[in-house]
Protein backbone atom coordinates (compact mmCIF):
# COMPACT_ATOMS: atom_id res chain seq x y z
CA MET A 1 20.78 42.97 9.53
CA PRO A 2 18.88 39.62 9.41
CA SER A 3 17.71 38.17 12.68
CA PRO A 4 19.91 35.27 13.94
CA LEU A 5 16.80 33.58 15.32
CA LYS A 6 15.14 33.02 11.96
CA ARG A 7 13.56 29.57 11.78
CA THR A 8 14.27 27.35 8.80
CA VAL A 9 11.47 25.13 7.60
CA LYS A 10 12.23 21.73 6.11
CA PRO A 11 9.75 20.39 3.56
CA VAL A 12 7.68 17.46 4.76
CA LYS A 13 8.51 14.29 2.88
CA MET A 14 5.31 12.58 1.79
CA ARG A 15 5.10 8.85 2.36
CA LYS A 16 4.36 6.67 -0.61
CA THR A 17 1.14 4.70 -0.58
CA LEU A 18 0.96 1.16 -1.91
CA CYS A 19 -2.19 -0.92 -1.97
CA VAL A 20 -1.95 -4.67 -2.60
CA VAL A 21 -5.16 -6.44 -3.56
CA VAL A 22 -4.82 -10.19 -3.00
CA GLU A 23 -6.87 -13.22 -3.91
CA GLY A 24 -6.90 -15.12 -0.63
CA GLN A 25 -8.66 -14.04 2.52
CA LYS A 26 -5.85 -15.10 4.85
CA THR A 27 -2.55 -16.43 3.51
CA GLU A 28 -1.58 -13.84 0.88
CA LYS A 29 -2.67 -10.97 3.13
CA THR A 30 -0.43 -12.36 5.89
CA TYR A 31 2.56 -12.58 3.53
CA PHE A 32 2.49 -8.87 2.74
CA THR A 33 1.62 -7.73 6.27
CA ASP A 34 4.50 -9.80 7.70
CA ALA A 35 6.89 -8.51 5.02
CA LYS A 36 6.03 -4.95 6.01
CA ALA A 37 6.98 -5.68 9.61
CA GLU A 38 10.06 -7.77 8.74
CA TYR A 39 11.59 -5.16 6.45
CA ASN A 40 10.44 -2.17 8.52
CA LEU A 41 8.48 -0.67 5.63
CA GLY A 42 6.19 1.35 7.87
CA ARG A 43 8.59 4.30 7.90
CA GLU A 44 9.02 4.45 4.13
CA GLY A 45 5.39 4.41 3.18
CA VAL A 46 1.92 3.14 3.79
CA LEU A 47 1.16 -0.43 2.80
CA THR A 48 -2.48 -1.47 2.70
CA VAL A 49 -3.50 -5.04 1.91
CA PHE A 50 -7.04 -5.89 0.84
CA ALA A 51 -8.43 -9.36 0.29
CA ALA A 52 -10.93 -9.48 -2.56
CA SER A 53 -13.97 -11.57 -1.76
CA GLY A 54 -14.51 -14.45 -4.14
CA GLY A 55 -10.91 -14.63 -5.30
CA SER A 56 -11.62 -14.40 -9.01
CA ALA A 57 -9.56 -12.16 -11.29
CA SER A 58 -12.58 -9.92 -11.94
CA ASN A 59 -13.23 -9.48 -8.19
CA ILE A 60 -9.59 -8.56 -7.60
CA LEU A 61 -9.69 -6.03 -10.43
CA SER A 62 -12.96 -4.53 -9.14
CA LYS A 63 -11.44 -4.10 -5.68
CA ALA A 64 -8.33 -2.50 -7.21
CA ILE A 65 -10.46 -0.03 -9.15
CA GLU A 66 -12.21 0.95 -5.91
CA GLN A 67 -8.80 1.65 -4.38
CA VAL A 68 -7.76 3.87 -7.32
CA LYS A 69 -10.61 6.18 -6.39
CA LEU A 70 -9.18 6.48 -2.86
CA GLY A 71 -5.94 7.94 -4.20
CA HIS A 72 -3.28 5.27 -3.64
CA GLU A 73 -0.05 5.96 -5.56
CA GLN A 74 0.43 2.35 -6.60
CA ILE A 75 -1.94 -0.60 -6.64
CA TRP A 76 -0.75 -4.16 -7.11
CA CYS A 77 -3.01 -7.10 -7.88
CA VAL A 78 -1.77 -10.51 -6.75
CA LEU A 79 -3.24 -13.62 -8.37
CA ASP A 80 -2.36 -17.19 -7.49
CA ALA A 81 -2.85 -19.19 -10.67
CA ASP A 82 -2.26 -22.92 -10.80
CA THR A 83 -1.10 -24.31 -14.11
């Protein structure tokens, strides 16, 4: 007869990790950080925002490549291009 006190174990749901690499040092970083708080995204996953120094496309890409090595699930690069 099985014990009635047997403990059931629920699998731990892993949180998704998203890294956003932005061009600007202040404004773009604030947009994403504020959006995380506004839409309560902290419970769904981990959002990390990095500002690339220099702001050029190559600097943003270099910073994104560094983040790939750290194991983020998704990495977004945000460029502000004027036409």
